[in-house]
Structures are given as structure tokens and as C-alpha cells.
Amino acid sequence: MSGPHRSSLLTVKPEWIDHNGHLNMAYYNVLFDNAADEFFAEFGIGLEYIQRTGFSTFSAEFHVCYLREIHEGNQVYVTSQLLDLDEKRFHFFQELHHADGWLSATGEGLGLHVDLAGPKVVPMPPETYDKIAAIYEDHRNLPRPARAGRSIGIKRK
């Protein structure tokens, strides 16, 4: 993988539209989460992994920035990039793009590797860590997204 992971094309469903006529904020998370499932499958973390190992991933934090409206029927895709990694956690950044290429929203998350028997945060098995580390090695040389690391607050003069 030489660049950010690109999800399959996703279509905005009518039931996801709010009373303002655009994509409801909750469904941005659905789109980001569906794309994350595709991305995580690249390093072997999916339903089969959960069933085989009893391990999974949980979200510790996720931050969305809304930049441009998405509407019913729009086709979109999400790019996902690893920003950092250790034995128990991974920091990733996502961009939601309209099929025409323009940026609609960004999402930044911190994922945890979890033993479901606890549940508790635990180190990844070596083979899992090696797969995600290989992707991280490719991604660490990519430009850091300009919107990564943003915080929420009212800027005062």
C-alpha cells in the first residue's frame, strides 16, 4: 500500500438525511466506520479475527470535522491513513470524499486492541502487529494531513 487506503464507493441512503436536507451527523460516523472496517481488514482485523482470537478493536476517541454537505444519493469514498502505532493502539486519519473528489469531512481516531474476555486493552499478537506495522511504515512517509491533531474550542483573540 503506497498511499492511504481507499474504501469502496458508498451511497448516501435516504433514511440518513436529516430535516436540513443533508447527511445527518450520525451517518458521517457510519460512513467512516464502514470504511475503517475495510481498512482494518487490510491488516487482518475483521470478524474472522475476532472469532479466531477473541480479540477486537474498540474506539477510544473519534473526532469529526464537517467541511461540505453530502446529500441523498451522493456517492462517496473514504481514505484512511495510519499516523501512529504502538503495541496496543493505532492513531488513524480519514477523509470523506464525494465521488467527484471534493472533501466533505475528516475523521481522526484512536483505536485500541482489546481482549474481549476482559474486556481490556492488550498487546496485539506479533503477526497482527507486524501486518499493521508494515502499513504504518508505508504511511509514515506520507504527508501528515493538515487537519490532523485538531482540538475543539472557541478561539479567543
Protein backbone atom coordinates (compact mmCIF):
# COMPACT_ATOMS: atom_id res chain seq x y z
CA MET A 1 0.00 0.00 0.00
CA SER A 2 1.80 3.13 -1.19
CA GLY A 3 -0.85 5.66 -0.20
CA PRO A 4 -3.85 5.95 2.07
CA HIS A 5 -6.33 3.10 1.85
CA ARG A 6 -9.33 3.98 -0.34
CA SER A 7 -12.68 2.42 0.54
CA SER A 8 -15.21 1.09 -1.88
CA LEU A 9 -17.75 3.57 -3.22
CA LEU A 10 -20.60 4.11 -0.74
CA THR A 11 -24.03 5.63 -1.46
CA VAL A 12 -25.84 8.01 0.92
CA LYS A 13 -29.22 6.45 1.79
CA PRO A 14 -32.49 8.43 2.01
CA GLU A 15 -33.02 7.48 5.67
CA TRP A 16 -29.68 9.12 6.55
CA ILE A 17 -30.89 12.60 5.58
CA ASP A 18 -31.91 14.99 8.37
CA HIS A 19 -34.50 17.78 8.48
CA ASN A 20 -31.93 20.20 6.99
CA GLY A 21 -31.82 18.14 3.79
CA HIS A 22 -28.27 16.86 4.17
CA LEU A 23 -26.49 13.88 5.68
CA ASN A 24 -27.22 13.64 9.42
CA MET A 25 -24.08 13.91 11.53
CA ALA A 26 -24.51 10.39 12.94
CA TYR A 27 -24.19 8.89 9.47
CA TYR A 28 -20.83 10.50 8.82
CA ASN A 29 -19.67 8.16 11.57
CA VAL A 30 -21.38 5.23 9.84
CA LEU A 31 -19.50 6.01 6.63
CA PHE A 32 -16.18 6.42 8.47
CA ASP A 33 -16.79 3.21 10.44
CA ASN A 34 -17.68 1.15 7.35
CA ALA A 35 -14.50 2.40 5.68
CA ALA A 36 -12.49 1.61 8.81
CA ASP A 37 -13.76 -1.99 8.66
CA GLU A 38 -12.37 -2.24 5.11
CA PHE A 39 -9.09 -0.62 6.17
CA PHE A 40 -8.65 -2.81 9.27
CA ALA A 41 -9.24 -5.90 7.11
CA GLU A 42 -6.02 -4.92 5.29
CA PHE A 43 -4.11 -5.81 8.45
CA GLY A 44 -6.23 -8.82 9.30
CA ILE A 45 -8.62 -7.41 11.89
CA GLY A 46 -12.17 -8.35 10.99
CA LEU A 47 -14.94 -10.73 12.01
CA GLU A 48 -12.79 -13.81 11.37
CA TYR A 49 -10.02 -12.35 13.58
CA ILE A 50 -12.49 -11.74 16.41
CA GLN A 51 -13.91 -15.26 16.16
CA ARG A 52 -10.49 -16.91 15.91
CA THR A 53 -8.61 -14.94 18.57
CA GLY A 54 -11.18 -13.38 20.91
CA PHE A 55 -9.52 -10.01 20.23
CA SER A 56 -11.07 -6.98 18.58
CA THR A 57 -10.65 -3.23 18.33
CA PHE A 58 -12.57 -0.56 20.22
CA SER A 59 -12.64 3.15 19.54
CA ALA A 60 -11.16 5.25 22.34
CA GLU A 61 -11.78 8.56 20.59
CA PHE A 62 -13.06 9.83 17.25
CA HIS A 63 -13.21 13.46 16.10
CA VAL A 64 -15.16 14.59 13.01
CA CYS A 65 -14.81 17.89 11.15
CA TYR A 66 -17.67 18.71 8.76
CA LEU A 67 -16.49 20.70 5.74
CA ARG A 68 -19.08 20.38 2.97
CA GLU A 69 -22.58 18.90 2.85
CA ILE A 70 -23.36 15.48 1.45
CA HIS A 71 -26.85 14.75 0.11
CA GLU A 72 -29.12 11.79 -0.60
CA GLY A 73 -27.86 9.56 -3.39
CA ASN A 74 -24.34 11.04 -3.38
CA GLN A 75 -21.62 8.50 -3.88
CA VAL A 76 -18.64 8.85 -1.56
CA TYR A 77 -15.43 7.12 -0.59
CA VAL A 78 -13.14 7.34 2.42
CA THR A 79 -9.36 7.38 2.52
CA SER A 80 -7.65 6.09 5.68
CA GLN A 81 -4.08 6.69 6.80
CA LEU A 82 -2.19 5.41 9.85
CA LEU A 83 -0.50 8.25 11.73
CA ASP A 84 0.99 6.34 14.67
CA LEU A 85 1.11 2.92 16.24
CA ASP A 86 2.24 1.06 19.33
CA GLU A 87 1.63 -2.48 20.55
CA LYS A 88 -1.89 -1.72 21.86
CA ARG A 89 -3.09 1.36 19.94
CA PHE A 90 -3.26 2.89 16.49
CA HIS A 91 -3.93 6.50 15.51
CA PHE A 92 -5.56 6.99 12.12
CA PHE A 93 -6.94 9.78 9.96
CA GLN A 94 -9.78 9.54 7.44
CA GLU A 95 -11.13 11.81 4.72
CA LEU A 96 -14.65 11.50 3.31
CA HIS A 97 -14.71 12.50 -0.36
CA HIS A 98 -17.58 12.92 -2.79
CA ALA A 99 -17.12 10.65 -5.82
CA ASP A 100 -16.19 13.81 -7.79
CA GLY A 101 -13.16 14.14 -5.49
CA TRP A 102 -14.02 17.07 -3.24
CA LEU A 103 -13.56 16.75 0.53
CA SER A 104 -16.69 16.60 2.68
CA ALA A 105 -15.41 15.69 6.16
CA THR A 106 -12.45 14.39 8.09
CA GLY A 107 -12.32 11.91 10.94
CA GLU A 108 -9.46 11.18 13.32
CA GLY A 109 -9.47 8.21 15.63
CA LEU A 110 -7.59 6.29 18.25
CA GLY A 111 -8.21 2.55 18.13
CA LEU A 112 -7.46 0.09 20.91
CA HIS A 113 -6.63 -3.61 20.62
CA VAL A 114 -8.91 -5.38 23.11
CA ASP A 115 -9.21 -8.86 24.62
CA LEU A 116 -12.98 -9.37 24.64
CA ALA A 117 -12.75 -11.75 27.63
CA GLY A 118 -11.96 -8.76 29.88
CA PRO A 119 -12.69 -6.65 28.06
CA LYS A 120 -9.31 -4.99 28.44
CA VAL A 121 -6.68 -3.37 26.26
CA VAL A 122 -3.89 -5.82 25.39
CA PRO A 123 -0.92 -6.01 23.00
CA MET A 124 -1.60 -7.26 19.50
CA PRO A 125 -0.31 -10.73 18.64
CA PRO A 126 3.03 -10.43 16.79
CA GLU A 127 1.58 -11.46 13.41
CA THR A 128 -1.17 -8.81 13.68
CA TYR A 129 1.24 -6.13 14.85
CA ASP A 130 3.64 -6.97 12.00
CA LYS A 131 0.86 -6.53 9.41
CA ILE A 132 -0.26 -3.16 10.75
CA ALA A 133 3.37 -2.06 11.24
CA ALA A 134 4.09 -2.76 7.57
CA ILE A 135 1.20 -0.49 6.56
CA TYR A 136 2.37 2.12 9.05
CA GLU A 137 5.87 2.03 7.53
CA ASP A 138 4.33 2.91 4.16
CA HIS A 139 2.09 5.60 5.67
CA ARG A 140 4.66 7.27 7.93
CA ASN A 141 6.37 8.77 4.87
CA LEU A 142 3.14 10.29 3.56
CA PRO A 143 2.47 13.95 4.28
CA ARG A 144 0.68 14.41 7.60
CA PRO A 145 -2.88 15.59 6.90
CA ALA A 146 -3.21 19.31 7.63
CA ARG A 147 -6.33 18.78 9.74
CA ALA A 148 -4.81 16.03 11.93
CA GLY A 149 -4.49 16.81 15.62
CA ARG A 150 -7.18 19.49 15.73
CA SER A 151 -8.92 20.23 19.00
CA ILE A 152 -12.31 21.71 19.81
CA GLY A 153 -12.67 25.12 21.38
CA ILE A 154 -13.70 28.71 20.82
CA LYS A 155 -10.67 30.67 19.68
CA ARG A 156 -10.30 33.90 21.66
CA LYS A 157 -8.39 36.92 20.44
